N, C-alpha and C. Protein backbone atom coordinates (compact mmCIF):
# COMPACT_ATOMS: atom_id res chain seq x y z
N THR A 1 -66.29 -68.33 34.10
CA THR A 1 -67.52 -67.75 33.62
C THR A 1 -67.19 -66.46 32.86
N MET A 2 -67.75 -66.33 31.69
CA MET A 2 -67.62 -65.09 30.91
C MET A 2 -68.91 -64.29 31.15
N ARG A 3 -68.73 -63.03 31.51
CA ARG A 3 -69.88 -62.16 31.76
C ARG A 3 -69.64 -60.80 31.15
N THR A 4 -70.72 -60.15 30.71
CA THR A 4 -70.67 -58.74 30.36
C THR A 4 -71.55 -58.02 31.38
N PHE A 5 -71.17 -56.81 31.67
CA PHE A 5 -71.98 -56.08 32.64
C PHE A 5 -72.05 -54.60 32.26
N ASN A 6 -73.12 -54.00 32.73
CA ASN A 6 -73.34 -52.57 32.53
C ASN A 6 -73.38 -51.95 33.91
N THR A 7 -72.50 -50.99 34.16
CA THR A 7 -72.43 -50.41 35.50
C THR A 7 -73.62 -49.52 35.85
N ALA A 8 -74.40 -49.11 34.85
CA ALA A 8 -75.55 -48.25 35.11
C ALA A 8 -76.88 -49.00 35.08
N ILE A 9 -76.97 -50.05 34.27
CA ILE A 9 -78.26 -50.77 34.11
C ILE A 9 -78.05 -52.27 34.37
N ASP A 10 -78.41 -52.73 35.56
CA ASP A 10 -78.19 -54.13 35.94
C ASP A 10 -78.90 -55.12 35.03
N THR A 11 -80.02 -54.74 34.43
CA THR A 11 -80.76 -55.68 33.61
C THR A 11 -80.01 -56.04 32.32
N GLN A 12 -78.95 -55.32 31.99
CA GLN A 12 -78.17 -55.62 30.80
C GLN A 12 -76.97 -56.56 31.11
N ASN A 13 -76.80 -56.98 32.34
CA ASN A 13 -75.74 -57.92 32.70
C ASN A 13 -76.10 -59.30 32.14
N ARG A 14 -75.09 -59.94 31.53
CA ARG A 14 -75.35 -61.24 30.91
C ARG A 14 -74.17 -62.19 31.15
N GLU A 15 -74.47 -63.48 31.25
CA GLU A 15 -73.44 -64.52 31.33
C GLU A 15 -73.42 -65.28 30.01
N PHE A 16 -72.25 -65.58 29.52
CA PHE A 16 -72.10 -66.33 28.28
C PHE A 16 -72.26 -67.82 28.59
N SER A 17 -72.90 -68.54 27.67
CA SER A 17 -73.11 -69.97 27.81
C SER A 17 -71.88 -70.75 27.33
N GLN A 18 -71.43 -71.69 28.14
CA GLN A 18 -70.31 -72.55 27.76
C GLN A 18 -70.78 -73.93 27.29
N LEU A 19 -72.08 -74.15 27.34
CA LEU A 19 -72.63 -75.49 27.07
C LEU A 19 -72.23 -76.08 25.72
N PRO A 20 -72.31 -75.35 24.59
CA PRO A 20 -71.90 -75.97 23.31
C PRO A 20 -70.44 -76.44 23.32
N LEU A 21 -69.59 -75.66 23.92
CA LEU A 21 -68.16 -76.01 24.01
C LEU A 21 -67.95 -77.22 24.90
N LEU A 22 -68.59 -77.24 26.05
CA LEU A 22 -68.46 -78.36 26.98
C LEU A 22 -69.01 -79.65 26.36
N LYS A 23 -70.10 -79.55 25.61
CA LYS A 23 -70.65 -80.74 24.94
C LYS A 23 -69.67 -81.28 23.92
N LYS A 24 -69.02 -80.36 23.16
CA LYS A 24 -68.05 -80.81 22.17
C LYS A 24 -66.90 -81.53 22.84
N LEU A 25 -66.50 -81.07 24.02
CA LEU A 25 -65.39 -81.68 24.75
C LEU A 25 -65.83 -82.92 25.55
N GLY A 26 -67.11 -83.26 25.49
CA GLY A 26 -67.62 -84.41 26.22
C GLY A 26 -67.71 -84.15 27.71
N LEU A 27 -67.87 -82.88 28.10
CA LEU A 27 -67.91 -82.51 29.51
C LEU A 27 -69.22 -81.82 29.82
N SER A 28 -70.30 -82.55 29.86
CA SER A 28 -71.62 -81.94 30.02
C SER A 28 -72.08 -81.82 31.47
N GLN A 29 -71.13 -81.95 32.44
CA GLN A 29 -71.53 -81.80 33.82
C GLN A 29 -72.01 -80.38 34.08
N ARG A 30 -73.06 -80.24 34.83
CA ARG A 30 -73.71 -78.95 35.01
C ARG A 30 -72.83 -77.90 35.65
N ASN A 31 -72.02 -78.25 36.62
CA ASN A 31 -71.22 -77.27 37.35
C ASN A 31 -69.82 -77.09 36.79
N LEU A 32 -69.49 -77.75 35.71
CA LEU A 32 -68.16 -77.66 35.12
C LEU A 32 -68.02 -76.34 34.38
N ARG A 33 -66.92 -75.65 34.57
CA ARG A 33 -66.64 -74.39 33.92
C ARG A 33 -65.21 -74.37 33.43
N LEU A 34 -64.94 -73.49 32.47
CA LEU A 34 -63.57 -73.26 32.05
C LEU A 34 -62.81 -72.58 33.19
N PRO A 35 -61.48 -72.76 33.25
CA PRO A 35 -60.70 -72.03 34.25
C PRO A 35 -60.80 -70.53 34.06
N ASP A 36 -60.24 -69.77 34.98
CA ASP A 36 -60.27 -68.32 34.90
C ASP A 36 -59.73 -67.81 33.57
N CYS A 37 -60.40 -66.82 33.01
CA CYS A 37 -59.97 -66.18 31.76
C CYS A 37 -58.82 -65.25 32.09
N VAL A 38 -57.69 -65.38 31.35
CA VAL A 38 -56.54 -64.50 31.59
C VAL A 38 -56.29 -63.56 30.43
N GLY A 39 -57.01 -63.69 29.34
CA GLY A 39 -56.87 -62.79 28.23
C GLY A 39 -57.98 -63.00 27.21
N PHE A 40 -58.26 -61.94 26.45
CA PHE A 40 -59.27 -62.04 25.42
C PHE A 40 -59.02 -60.99 24.35
N ASP A 41 -59.64 -61.19 23.20
CA ASP A 41 -59.63 -60.20 22.13
C ASP A 41 -60.95 -60.30 21.39
N VAL A 42 -61.39 -59.18 20.84
CA VAL A 42 -62.68 -59.13 20.17
C VAL A 42 -62.54 -58.31 18.88
N ALA A 43 -63.29 -58.70 17.86
CA ALA A 43 -63.31 -57.93 16.61
C ALA A 43 -64.77 -57.73 16.22
N GLU A 44 -65.07 -56.53 15.75
CA GLU A 44 -66.47 -56.22 15.40
C GLU A 44 -66.80 -56.53 13.95
N SER A 45 -65.82 -56.67 13.09
CA SER A 45 -66.11 -56.89 11.68
C SER A 45 -66.74 -58.27 11.46
N ARG A 46 -67.81 -58.28 10.71
CA ARG A 46 -68.54 -59.49 10.32
C ARG A 46 -68.92 -60.39 11.50
N GLU A 47 -69.28 -59.73 12.61
CA GLU A 47 -69.58 -60.50 13.81
C GLU A 47 -70.82 -61.39 13.67
N ARG A 48 -71.64 -61.13 12.67
CA ARG A 48 -72.82 -61.98 12.44
C ARG A 48 -72.45 -63.28 11.71
N ASP A 49 -71.28 -63.33 11.09
CA ASP A 49 -70.89 -64.47 10.27
C ASP A 49 -70.17 -65.58 11.07
N TRP A 50 -69.50 -65.20 12.15
CA TRP A 50 -68.73 -66.19 12.91
C TRP A 50 -68.44 -65.63 14.30
N GLY A 51 -67.84 -66.47 15.14
CA GLY A 51 -67.47 -66.03 16.47
C GLY A 51 -66.48 -64.87 16.39
N ASN A 52 -66.60 -63.92 17.27
CA ASN A 52 -65.76 -62.74 17.19
C ASN A 52 -65.05 -62.41 18.50
N LEU A 53 -65.10 -63.30 19.45
CA LEU A 53 -64.42 -63.12 20.72
C LEU A 53 -63.59 -64.35 20.98
N VAL A 54 -62.30 -64.17 21.32
CA VAL A 54 -61.40 -65.27 21.58
C VAL A 54 -60.87 -65.11 23.02
N THR A 55 -60.90 -66.20 23.79
CA THR A 55 -60.39 -66.15 25.16
C THR A 55 -59.30 -67.19 25.38
N ILE A 56 -58.39 -66.87 26.31
CA ILE A 56 -57.42 -67.85 26.79
C ILE A 56 -57.64 -67.98 28.30
N HIS A 57 -57.39 -69.17 28.79
CA HIS A 57 -57.72 -69.48 30.18
C HIS A 57 -56.54 -70.06 30.90
N ARG A 58 -56.47 -69.76 32.20
CA ARG A 58 -55.35 -70.20 33.05
C ARG A 58 -55.09 -71.70 32.90
N GLY A 59 -53.85 -72.07 32.58
CA GLY A 59 -53.45 -73.47 32.51
C GLY A 59 -53.87 -74.20 31.23
N GLN A 60 -54.53 -73.52 30.30
CA GLN A 60 -55.02 -74.16 29.08
C GLN A 60 -54.09 -73.84 27.91
N SER A 61 -53.90 -74.79 27.04
CA SER A 61 -53.08 -74.56 25.84
C SER A 61 -53.96 -74.40 24.61
N ALA A 62 -55.16 -73.97 24.80
CA ALA A 62 -56.09 -73.74 23.68
C ALA A 62 -56.76 -72.39 23.88
N ALA A 63 -57.25 -71.82 22.79
CA ALA A 63 -58.02 -70.59 22.82
C ALA A 63 -59.44 -70.93 22.39
N TYR A 64 -60.40 -70.32 23.01
CA TYR A 64 -61.80 -70.65 22.75
C TYR A 64 -62.49 -69.49 22.08
N VAL A 65 -63.34 -69.79 21.11
CA VAL A 65 -64.03 -68.77 20.32
C VAL A 65 -65.48 -68.65 20.78
N TRP A 66 -65.94 -67.41 20.91
CA TRP A 66 -67.28 -67.13 21.41
C TRP A 66 -68.01 -66.26 20.41
N ASN A 67 -69.33 -66.34 20.41
CA ASN A 67 -70.18 -65.44 19.62
C ASN A 67 -70.72 -64.39 20.58
N TYR A 68 -70.22 -63.16 20.46
CA TYR A 68 -70.61 -62.10 21.40
C TYR A 68 -72.10 -61.76 21.30
N LYS A 69 -72.59 -61.66 20.09
CA LYS A 69 -74.00 -61.27 19.91
C LYS A 69 -74.94 -62.26 20.58
N ASN A 70 -74.67 -63.56 20.44
CA ASN A 70 -75.53 -64.58 21.02
C ASN A 70 -75.11 -65.00 22.42
N ARG A 71 -73.97 -64.47 22.89
CA ARG A 71 -73.43 -64.72 24.22
C ARG A 71 -73.27 -66.23 24.48
N VAL A 72 -72.59 -66.87 23.53
CA VAL A 72 -72.42 -68.32 23.65
C VAL A 72 -71.05 -68.73 23.09
N ALA A 73 -70.46 -69.75 23.69
CA ALA A 73 -69.22 -70.32 23.16
C ALA A 73 -69.55 -71.10 21.88
N THR A 74 -68.68 -70.96 20.89
CA THR A 74 -68.84 -71.77 19.68
C THR A 74 -68.13 -73.11 19.89
N GLU A 75 -68.22 -73.99 18.95
CA GLU A 75 -67.52 -75.26 19.05
C GLU A 75 -66.08 -75.17 18.53
N THR A 76 -65.64 -73.98 18.14
CA THR A 76 -64.31 -73.79 17.60
C THR A 76 -63.28 -73.67 18.73
N ILE A 77 -62.25 -74.48 18.64
CA ILE A 77 -61.14 -74.45 19.60
C ILE A 77 -59.86 -74.25 18.81
N LEU A 78 -59.10 -73.24 19.18
CA LEU A 78 -57.84 -72.95 18.49
C LEU A 78 -56.70 -73.51 19.30
N SER A 79 -55.81 -74.28 18.65
CA SER A 79 -54.66 -74.83 19.37
C SER A 79 -53.53 -75.11 18.38
N GLN A 80 -52.35 -75.17 18.94
CA GLN A 80 -51.16 -75.52 18.19
C GLN A 80 -50.43 -76.61 18.97
N SER A 81 -49.77 -77.52 18.27
CA SER A 81 -49.12 -78.64 18.95
C SER A 81 -47.99 -78.18 19.88
N HIS A 82 -47.37 -77.04 19.58
CA HIS A 82 -46.26 -76.59 20.40
C HIS A 82 -46.69 -75.72 21.59
N TRP A 83 -47.99 -75.42 21.72
CA TRP A 83 -48.46 -74.66 22.88
C TRP A 83 -48.44 -75.56 24.10
N LYS A 84 -47.86 -75.11 25.17
CA LYS A 84 -47.73 -75.89 26.40
C LYS A 84 -48.91 -75.60 27.33
N GLY A 85 -49.33 -76.65 28.05
CA GLY A 85 -50.39 -76.45 29.02
C GLY A 85 -51.32 -77.63 29.09
N ASN A 86 -52.28 -77.55 29.94
CA ASN A 86 -53.26 -78.61 30.15
C ASN A 86 -54.47 -78.31 29.28
N ASN A 87 -54.90 -79.26 28.51
CA ASN A 87 -56.12 -79.09 27.70
C ASN A 87 -57.29 -79.78 28.34
N LEU A 88 -58.44 -79.19 28.19
CA LEU A 88 -59.66 -79.95 28.45
C LEU A 88 -59.71 -81.00 27.35
N ARG A 89 -60.34 -82.10 27.54
CA ARG A 89 -60.34 -83.19 26.56
C ARG A 89 -60.76 -82.72 25.18
N HIS A 90 -59.82 -82.65 24.23
CA HIS A 90 -60.18 -82.41 22.84
C HIS A 90 -59.04 -82.87 21.94
């Protein structure tokens, strides 16, 4: 689960939606989630034009792109054939 939180104002805490990504992978089960996130990077430039947050997850050989403003995973999956690991079906 990807979440943002505000330590001072609880009403600003948000969870990112993984549904578009899971649908693309053919995994629309309600309780299915990506494995634990072990790294991420974010860029603020042109964040309205495309996803601007990239995450990597434990045991996965792909990186997933998110739209921070809309708090949702995009359908973009970054991968290379030489990256080792277990992929969700894609």
